[in-house]
N, C-alpha and C. Protein backbone atom coordinates (compact mmCIF):
# COMPACT_ATOMS: atom_id res chain seq x y z
N MET A 1 3.75 -66.17 156.48
CA MET A 1 3.87 -65.12 155.42
C MET A 1 4.90 -65.72 154.87
N GLU A 2 6.08 -66.06 155.09
CA GLU A 2 7.43 -65.87 154.07
C GLU A 2 7.24 -67.35 153.37
N SER A 3 6.29 -68.25 154.10
CA SER A 3 6.24 -69.54 153.27
C SER A 3 5.20 -69.37 152.11
N GLU A 4 4.37 -68.42 152.26
CA GLU A 4 3.28 -67.91 151.04
C GLU A 4 3.77 -67.27 150.13
N GLU A 5 4.91 -66.49 150.13
CA GLU A 5 5.53 -66.00 149.45
C GLU A 5 6.61 -66.83 148.41
N HIS A 6 7.10 -67.83 149.46
CA HIS A 6 8.09 -68.78 148.51
C HIS A 6 6.80 -69.63 147.76
N LYS A 7 5.78 -70.01 147.86
CA LYS A 7 5.00 -70.79 147.09
C LYS A 7 4.70 -70.21 145.76
N THR A 8 4.17 -68.97 146.09
CA THR A 8 3.84 -67.96 144.91
C THR A 8 5.32 -67.84 143.84
N ALA A 9 6.25 -67.59 144.25
CA ALA A 9 7.26 -67.07 143.84
C ALA A 9 7.93 -68.15 142.79
N GLY A 10 7.75 -69.56 143.00
CA GLY A 10 7.98 -70.21 142.13
C GLY A 10 6.97 -70.51 141.21
N LYS A 11 5.93 -70.57 141.40
CA LYS A 11 4.79 -70.68 140.63
C LYS A 11 4.82 -69.46 139.29
N PRO A 12 4.64 -69.91 138.22
CA PRO A 12 4.30 -68.93 137.09
C PRO A 12 3.34 -68.07 137.11
N GLY A 13 2.87 -66.94 136.79
CA GLY A 13 1.70 -66.19 136.98
C GLY A 13 0.67 -66.57 135.66
N PRO A 14 -0.43 -66.35 135.59
CA PRO A 14 -1.01 -66.44 134.47
C PRO A 14 -0.74 -65.61 133.20
N ILE A 15 -0.39 -66.17 131.95
CA ILE A 15 0.07 -65.61 130.59
C ILE A 15 -0.86 -64.42 130.30
N ILE A 16 -0.48 -63.11 130.11
CA ILE A 16 -1.47 -62.32 129.68
C ILE A 16 -0.68 -62.12 127.84
N LYS A 17 -1.52 -62.55 127.08
CA LYS A 17 -1.10 -62.52 125.75
C LYS A 17 -1.62 -61.04 124.91
N THR A 18 -2.73 -60.91 125.63
CA THR A 18 -3.72 -59.84 124.80
C THR A 18 -4.49 -58.98 126.00
N ALA A 19 -5.04 -57.78 125.42
CA ALA A 19 -5.75 -56.92 126.38
C ALA A 19 -7.01 -57.40 127.05
N THR A 20 -7.42 -58.74 126.24
CA THR A 20 -8.99 -59.26 127.02
C THR A 20 -8.10 -60.14 128.01
N ASP A 21 -7.17 -60.64 127.93
CA ASP A 21 -6.56 -61.62 129.01
C ASP A 21 -6.23 -60.64 130.48
N LEU A 22 -5.98 -59.39 130.21
CA LEU A 22 -5.55 -58.48 130.92
C LEU A 22 -6.90 -57.98 131.86
N GLN A 23 -7.74 -57.37 131.02
CA GLN A 23 -9.26 -57.20 131.53
C GLN A 23 -9.98 -58.63 132.23
N ARG A 24 -9.37 -59.32 131.96
CA ARG A 24 -10.18 -60.75 132.31
C ARG A 24 -9.68 -60.95 133.82
N LEU A 25 -8.40 -60.75 133.66
CA LEU A 25 -7.72 -60.92 135.34
C LEU A 25 -8.02 -60.01 135.98
N LYS A 26 -8.17 -58.59 135.67
CA LYS A 26 -8.67 -57.56 136.68
C LYS A 26 -10.26 -58.03 136.96
N LEU A 27 -10.75 -58.06 136.34
CA LEU A 27 -12.32 -58.31 136.63
C LEU A 27 -12.29 -59.94 137.63
N GLU A 28 -11.46 -60.83 137.47
CA GLU A 28 -11.75 -61.95 138.44
C GLU A 28 -10.73 -61.54 139.77
N LYS A 29 -10.18 -60.63 139.60
CA LYS A 29 -9.40 -59.90 140.97
C LYS A 29 -10.68 -59.10 141.63
N LEU A 30 -11.63 -58.74 140.91
CA LEU A 30 -12.31 -57.79 141.39
C LEU A 30 -13.63 -58.69 142.06
N MET A 31 -13.86 -59.48 141.36
CA MET A 31 -14.98 -60.41 141.76
C MET A 31 -14.58 -61.34 142.91
N MET A 32 -13.16 -61.63 143.23
CA MET A 32 -12.77 -62.40 144.28
C MET A 32 -13.43 -61.92 145.49
N ASN A 33 -13.53 -60.62 145.65
CA ASN A 33 -14.41 -59.76 146.84
C ASN A 33 -15.26 -59.00 146.64
N PRO A 34 -16.54 -59.63 146.37
CA PRO A 34 -17.67 -58.70 145.84
C PRO A 34 -17.87 -57.66 146.82
N ASN A 35 -17.79 -57.85 148.27
CA ASN A 35 -18.04 -56.90 149.31
C ASN A 35 -17.13 -55.50 149.38
N LYS A 36 -16.10 -55.73 148.78
CA LYS A 36 -15.20 -54.63 148.78
C LYS A 36 -15.33 -53.39 147.76
N PRO A 37 -15.55 -52.08 148.27
CA PRO A 37 -15.98 -51.10 146.98
C PRO A 37 -14.95 -50.98 146.17
N VAL A 38 -15.37 -50.78 144.97
CA VAL A 38 -14.67 -50.18 143.91
C VAL A 38 -14.42 -48.91 143.85
N ILE A 39 -13.54 -48.32 143.79
CA ILE A 39 -12.92 -46.90 143.52
C ILE A 39 -12.79 -46.38 142.47
N LEU A 40 -13.80 -45.66 141.65
CA LEU A 40 -13.60 -45.03 140.10
C LEU A 40 -12.81 -43.91 140.47
N PRO A 41 -11.93 -43.60 139.28
CA PRO A 41 -11.28 -42.03 139.47
C PRO A 41 -12.44 -41.30 139.07
N ALA A 42 -11.80 -39.98 139.56
CA ALA A 42 -13.33 -38.65 139.18
C ALA A 42 -12.63 -38.55 137.69
N SER A 43 -13.78 -38.01 136.70
CA SER A 43 -13.65 -37.52 135.50
C SER A 43 -12.80 -36.17 135.74
N HIS A 44 -12.19 -35.90 134.26
CA HIS A 44 -11.20 -34.76 134.27
C HIS A 44 -12.18 -33.41 134.22
N LYS A 45 -12.04 -32.28 134.93
CA LYS A 45 -12.68 -31.24 134.90
C LYS A 45 -11.96 -30.09 133.98
N GLU A 46 -12.50 -29.46 133.30
CA GLU A 46 -12.22 -28.46 132.52
C GLU A 46 -11.56 -27.04 133.34
N LYS A 47 -10.54 -26.61 132.82
CA LYS A 47 -10.17 -25.27 133.77
C LYS A 47 -11.12 -24.01 133.30
N ASP A 48 -11.64 -23.19 133.86
CA ASP A 48 -12.35 -21.86 133.14
C ASP A 48 -10.95 -20.95 133.43
N TYR A 49 -10.61 -20.60 132.20
CA TYR A 49 -9.46 -19.44 132.49
C TYR A 49 -9.88 -18.27 132.65
N ASN A 50 -11.18 -17.82 132.14
CA ASN A 50 -11.62 -16.53 132.00
C ASN A 50 -11.63 -15.99 133.82
N GLN A 51 -11.83 -17.10 134.64
CA GLN A 51 -12.17 -16.23 135.98
C GLN A 51 -10.63 -16.26 136.62
N THR A 52 -9.41 -17.04 136.06
CA THR A 52 -8.31 -16.43 137.07
C THR A 52 -7.43 -15.37 136.08
N VAL A 53 -7.67 -15.16 134.87
CA VAL A 53 -6.86 -14.14 134.04
C VAL A 53 -7.86 -12.69 134.46
N PRO A 54 -6.89 -11.62 134.47
CA PRO A 54 -7.76 -10.59 135.13
C PRO A 54 -7.98 -10.20 133.55
N ASN A 55 -9.37 -9.20 133.46
CA ASN A 55 -9.63 -8.49 132.15
C ASN A 55 -8.81 -7.52 131.84
N PHE A 56 -8.27 -6.71 133.04
CA PHE A 56 -7.41 -5.61 132.72
C PHE A 56 -6.10 -5.65 133.49
N VAL A 57 -5.20 -5.69 132.55
CA VAL A 57 -3.77 -5.65 133.03
C VAL A 57 -3.02 -4.17 133.48
N ARG A 58 -2.81 -3.82 134.41
CA ARG A 58 -2.27 -2.30 134.63
C ARG A 58 -0.98 -2.36 134.58
N ASN A 59 -0.35 -3.23 134.69
CA ASN A 59 1.16 -2.86 134.58
C ASN A 59 1.67 -3.56 132.92
N VAL A 60 1.54 -3.20 132.22
CA VAL A 60 1.82 -3.70 130.80
C VAL A 60 3.13 -3.17 130.47
N MET A 61 3.83 -4.47 129.95
CA MET A 61 5.24 -4.26 129.69
C MET A 61 5.78 -5.24 128.94
N GLY A 62 6.87 -5.02 128.21
CA GLY A 62 7.34 -5.78 127.22
C GLY A 62 8.63 -6.81 127.76
N SER A 63 9.02 -7.39 126.60
CA SER A 63 10.45 -7.97 127.04
C SER A 63 11.40 -7.43 126.61
N SER A 64 11.30 -5.99 125.92
CA SER A 64 12.68 -4.87 125.34
C SER A 64 13.05 -4.34 126.25
N ALA A 65 14.02 -3.51 125.76
CA ALA A 65 14.68 -2.42 126.56
C ALA A 65 13.82 -1.50 127.77
N GLY A 66 14.49 -1.62 128.84
CA GLY A 66 13.53 -0.57 129.63
C GLY A 66 12.89 -1.28 130.79
N ALA A 67 12.68 -2.41 130.81
CA ALA A 67 12.27 -3.48 131.71
C ALA A 67 13.13 -3.93 132.47
N GLY A 68 13.09 -3.97 133.72
CA GLY A 68 13.96 -4.45 134.74
C GLY A 68 14.31 -6.08 134.69
N SER A 69 15.11 -6.66 135.36
CA SER A 69 15.14 -7.82 135.42
C SER A 69 14.18 -8.70 135.87
N GLY A 70 13.32 -8.13 136.64
CA GLY A 70 12.30 -9.11 137.31
C GLY A 70 10.87 -9.08 136.58
N GLU A 71 10.81 -7.68 135.63
CA GLU A 71 9.72 -7.67 134.96
C GLU A 71 9.48 -8.37 133.90
N PHE A 72 10.49 -9.21 133.41
CA PHE A 72 10.48 -10.20 132.01
C PHE A 72 9.56 -11.38 132.88
N HIS A 73 9.60 -11.80 134.09
CA HIS A 73 9.08 -12.93 134.47
C HIS A 73 7.68 -12.71 134.40
N VAL A 74 7.44 -11.43 134.94
CA VAL A 74 5.87 -11.33 135.16
C VAL A 74 5.33 -11.07 133.74
N TYR A 75 5.82 -10.25 133.14
CA TYR A 75 5.49 -10.24 131.55
C TYR A 75 5.54 -11.82 131.09
N ARG A 76 6.27 -12.72 131.35
CA ARG A 76 6.36 -13.99 130.91
C ARG A 76 4.97 -14.68 131.24
N HIS A 77 4.93 -14.72 132.46
CA HIS A 77 3.79 -15.10 133.12
C HIS A 77 2.12 -14.63 132.74
N LEU A 78 2.30 -13.42 132.55
CA LEU A 78 0.89 -13.01 132.11
C LEU A 78 0.78 -13.25 130.52
N ARG A 79 1.56 -13.44 129.67
CA ARG A 79 1.75 -13.81 128.36
C ARG A 79 1.32 -15.12 128.15
N ARG A 80 1.84 -16.09 129.06
CA ARG A 80 1.43 -17.82 128.95
C ARG A 80 -0.27 -17.73 129.31
N LYS A 81 -0.30 -16.77 130.59
CA LYS A 81 -1.92 -17.19 131.05
C LYS A 81 -2.78 -16.19 129.85
N GLU A 82 -2.59 -15.75 129.00
CA GLU A 82 -3.45 -15.01 128.09
C GLU A 82 -3.13 -16.05 126.88
N TYR A 83 -2.12 -16.65 126.28
CA TYR A 83 -1.97 -17.97 125.52
C TYR A 83 -3.02 -18.90 125.93
N SER A 84 -2.82 -19.11 127.04
CA SER A 84 -3.83 -20.21 127.52
C SER A 84 -5.02 -20.10 127.40
N ARG A 85 -5.50 -18.81 127.87
CA ARG A 85 -6.87 -18.18 127.81
C ARG A 85 -7.29 -18.15 126.50
N GLN A 86 -6.57 -17.78 125.20
CA GLN A 86 -7.08 -17.88 124.01
C GLN A 86 -7.12 -19.28 123.40
N LYS A 87 -6.17 -20.09 124.08
CA LYS A 87 -6.48 -21.51 123.14
C LYS A 87 -7.90 -22.11 123.91
N ASN A 88 -8.02 -22.08 125.07
CA ASN A 88 -9.39 -22.20 125.81
C ASN A 88 -10.39 -21.94 125.24
N ILE A 89 -10.31 -20.77 124.62
CA ILE A 89 -11.50 -20.04 123.89
C ILE A 89 -11.63 -20.68 122.83
N GLN A 90 -10.64 -20.94 121.85
CA GLN A 90 -10.47 -21.58 120.59
C GLN A 90 -10.85 -22.88 120.80
N ALA A 91 -10.53 -23.74 121.85
CA ALA A 91 -11.07 -24.98 121.64
C ALA A 91 -12.44 -25.25 122.13
N MET A 92 -12.97 -23.98 122.81
CA MET A 92 -14.57 -24.25 123.26
C MET A 92 -15.32 -23.87 121.99
N SER A 93 -14.69 -22.93 121.16
CA SER A 93 -15.54 -22.58 119.92
C SER A 93 -15.65 -23.64 119.14
N ILE A 94 -14.16 -24.53 119.29
CA ILE A 94 -14.34 -25.61 118.18
C ILE A 94 -15.20 -26.74 118.67
N LYS A 95 -15.17 -26.77 120.05
CA LYS A 95 -16.25 -27.98 120.57
C LYS A 95 -17.71 -27.62 120.27
N GLU A 96 -18.30 -26.29 120.69
CA GLU A 96 -19.19 -26.21 119.90
C GLU A 96 -19.61 -26.19 118.77
N GLN A 97 -18.83 -25.63 117.81
CA GLN A 97 -18.82 -25.73 116.61
C GLN A 97 -19.31 -27.64 116.18
N GLN A 98 -18.17 -28.15 116.87
CA GLN A 98 -18.57 -29.79 116.82
C GLN A 98 -19.69 -30.36 117.45
N ASP A 99 -20.34 -29.78 118.48
CA ASP A 99 -21.69 -30.34 119.05
C ASP A 99 -22.65 -29.67 117.98
N LEU A 100 -22.64 -28.64 117.61
CA LEU A 100 -23.62 -27.75 116.71
C LEU A 100 -23.62 -29.05 115.17
N ASP A 101 -22.65 -29.20 114.67
CA ASP A 101 -22.61 -30.10 113.76
C ASP A 101 -23.01 -31.30 113.77
N PHE A 102 -22.67 -31.80 115.37
CA PHE A 102 -23.42 -33.46 115.38
C PHE A 102 -24.81 -33.03 115.46
N GLN A 103 -25.23 -32.30 116.31
CA GLN A 103 -27.21 -32.13 116.40
C GLN A 103 -27.55 -31.87 115.45
N THR A 104 -26.74 -31.29 114.05
CA THR A 104 -27.53 -31.06 112.87
C THR A 104 -27.60 -32.00 112.09
N LYS A 105 -26.32 -33.02 112.35
CA LYS A 105 -26.25 -34.19 111.61
C LYS A 105 -27.35 -35.12 112.07
N LEU A 106 -27.37 -35.45 113.32
CA LEU A 106 -28.70 -36.11 114.11
C LEU A 106 -29.91 -35.82 113.41
N GLU A 107 -30.42 -34.58 113.50
CA GLU A 107 -31.50 -34.09 113.10
C GLU A 107 -31.75 -34.72 111.84
N GLU A 108 -30.62 -34.47 110.81
CA GLU A 108 -30.80 -34.67 109.21
C GLU A 108 -31.00 -36.37 109.23
N ASN A 109 -30.22 -37.09 110.22
CA ASN A 109 -30.40 -38.47 110.04
C ASN A 109 -31.86 -38.90 110.50
N ARG A 110 -32.50 -38.30 111.48
CA ARG A 110 -33.74 -38.37 112.18
C ARG A 110 -34.91 -38.41 111.12
N ARG A 111 -34.57 -37.10 110.51
CA ARG A 111 -35.42 -36.74 109.24
C ARG A 111 -35.44 -37.91 108.09
N ILE A 112 -34.15 -38.00 107.82
CA ILE A 112 -34.14 -38.92 106.76
C ILE A 112 -34.78 -40.39 106.94
N ALA A 113 -34.55 -40.73 108.53
CA ALA A 113 -35.34 -42.09 108.70
C ALA A 113 -36.77 -42.13 108.57
N GLU A 114 -37.38 -40.97 109.08
CA GLU A 114 -38.97 -40.48 109.27
C GLU A 114 -39.19 -40.64 107.67
N GLU A 115 -38.63 -39.98 106.78
CA GLU A 115 -39.28 -39.65 105.35
C GLU A 115 -38.95 -41.63 104.98
N LYS A 116 -38.09 -42.21 105.09
CA LYS A 116 -38.12 -43.72 104.68
C LYS A 116 -39.09 -44.41 105.37
N THR A 117 -39.53 -43.81 106.92
CA THR A 117 -40.42 -44.75 107.45
C THR A 117 -41.81 -44.58 106.70
N ALA A 118 -42.02 -43.14 106.73
CA ALA A 118 -43.17 -42.52 105.90
C ALA A 118 -43.45 -43.33 104.35
N LYS A 119 -42.76 -43.25 103.95
CA LYS A 119 -42.71 -44.24 102.73
C LYS A 119 -43.03 -45.27 102.55
N LYS A 120 -42.29 -46.36 103.55
CA LYS A 120 -42.44 -47.89 103.70
C LYS A 120 -43.75 -48.07 104.26
N ARG A 121 -44.42 -47.13 105.00
CA ARG A 121 -45.69 -47.23 105.55
C ARG A 121 -46.64 -46.99 104.07
N LEU A 122 -46.70 -46.20 103.70
CA LEU A 122 -47.40 -45.74 102.75
C LEU A 122 -47.78 -46.92 101.66
N LYS A 123 -46.37 -47.72 101.51
CA LYS A 123 -46.23 -48.71 100.48
C LYS A 123 -46.75 -49.92 101.05
N ARG A 124 -46.98 -50.54 102.67
CA ARG A 124 -47.62 -51.17 103.19
C ARG A 124 -49.18 -51.24 102.83
N LEU A 125 -49.38 -49.83 103.37
CA LEU A 125 -51.11 -49.58 103.11
C LEU A 125 -51.46 -49.94 102.03
N LYS A 126 -50.78 -49.58 100.94
CA LYS A 126 -51.14 -49.70 99.43
C LYS A 126 -51.32 -51.02 98.98
N LYS A 127 -50.25 -52.07 99.43
CA LYS A 127 -50.45 -53.53 99.20
C LYS A 127 -51.53 -53.98 100.21
N LYS A 128 -52.06 -53.20 101.20
CA LYS A 128 -52.94 -53.94 101.99
C LYS A 128 -54.19 -53.82 101.22
N GLU A 129 -54.24 -52.54 100.97
CA GLU A 129 -55.71 -52.23 100.08
C GLU A 129 -55.68 -53.08 99.05
N ARG A 130 -54.66 -53.37 98.41
CA ARG A 130 -54.59 -54.03 96.90
C ARG A 130 -55.28 -55.67 97.46
N ILE A 131 -54.64 -55.95 98.41
CA ILE A 131 -55.04 -57.37 98.64
C ILE A 131 -56.51 -57.20 99.27
N LYS A 132 -57.11 -56.28 100.30
CA LYS A 132 -58.47 -56.10 100.24
C LYS A 132 -59.38 -56.12 99.25
N LYS A 133 -58.87 -55.30 98.13
CA LYS A 133 -59.70 -54.88 96.74
C LYS A 133 -59.91 -56.73 96.30
N ASN A 134 -58.55 -57.29 95.92
CA ASN A 134 -58.56 -58.59 95.41
C ASN A 134 -59.38 -59.35 96.07
N ARG A 135 -59.28 -59.47 97.42
CA ARG A 135 -60.21 -60.47 98.13
C ARG A 135 -61.89 -59.84 97.77
N ASN A 136 -62.14 -58.76 97.83
CA ASN A 136 -63.64 -58.11 97.59
C ASN A 136 -64.08 -58.54 96.02
N VAL A 137 -62.87 -58.72 95.13
CA VAL A 137 -63.31 -58.80 93.96
C VAL A 137 -63.65 -60.09 93.66
N LYS A 138 -62.91 -60.98 94.45
CA LYS A 138 -62.88 -62.71 94.14
C LYS A 138 -64.64 -62.95 94.91
N LYS A 139 -64.51 -62.49 96.27
CA LYS A 139 -65.39 -62.88 96.72
C LYS A 139 -67.13 -62.34 96.17
N ASN A 140 -67.08 -61.17 95.27
CA ASN A 140 -68.02 -60.65 94.58
C ASN A 140 -68.37 -61.57 93.26
N SER A 141 -67.14 -62.22 92.74
CA SER A 141 -67.24 -63.16 91.45
C SER A 141 -67.60 -64.28 92.06
N GLU A 142 -67.24 -64.82 92.91
CA GLU A 142 -67.82 -66.12 93.72
C GLU A 142 -69.42 -65.84 93.99
N ASP A 143 -69.63 -64.75 94.81
CA ASP A 143 -71.14 -64.90 94.66
C ASP A 143 -72.01 -64.60 93.37
N GLU A 144 -71.33 -63.89 92.38
CA GLU A 144 -72.22 -63.89 91.38
C GLU A 144 -72.28 -65.24 90.65
N ASN A 145 -71.02 -66.25 90.68
CA ASN A 145 -71.17 -67.38 90.15
C ASN A 145 -72.03 -68.41 91.22
N VAL A 146 -72.14 -68.04 92.50
CA VAL A 146 -73.15 -69.03 92.98
C VAL A 146 -74.81 -68.47 92.80
N GLN A 147 -74.48 -67.13 92.62
CA GLN A 147 -76.05 -66.85 91.83
C GLN A 147 -76.48 -67.29 90.61
N ASP A 148 -75.69 -67.30 89.79
CA ASP A 148 -75.68 -68.11 88.18
C ASP A 148 -76.21 -69.22 88.47
N GLU A 149 -75.31 -69.98 88.95
CA GLU A 149 -75.86 -71.46 89.20
C GLU A 149 -76.98 -71.74 90.04
N ASP A 150 -77.50 -71.03 90.82
CA ASP A 150 -78.87 -70.78 91.54
C ASP A 150 -80.10 -70.81 90.55
N ASN A 151 -79.78 -70.03 89.44
CA ASN A 151 -80.85 -69.84 88.20
C ASN A 151 -80.69 -71.05 87.32
């Protein structure tokens, strides 16, 4: 064991200059043992403050005179909970508004793309019809020329 540490201690490691190099080294380390399971961290879950904050607070008090020394801490705790609940509500409304805006923008882009496609399709069909018509006109004129030559 010690001899291995001494061997690697004297050798300089790979030089990492960019984030790409770091990512490459991490991938190489993972690929050294492909049978080893990769542990992915769980995604962040949003807290639901509506369930933790009571809807009705019976002991309403302020931080002004008349409150005992211990009551202020209770008041401060309830106030922080209420502020965090309001902040969460505002964040959720902003997120919903952004989602709605995104969906409307997607729908608008889809509609514009469909209009462009329909316009180009119509243009292609008109061009096909023109080409067909020109071919028929040429064919008819050639047939007339052949009939004139026969007479």
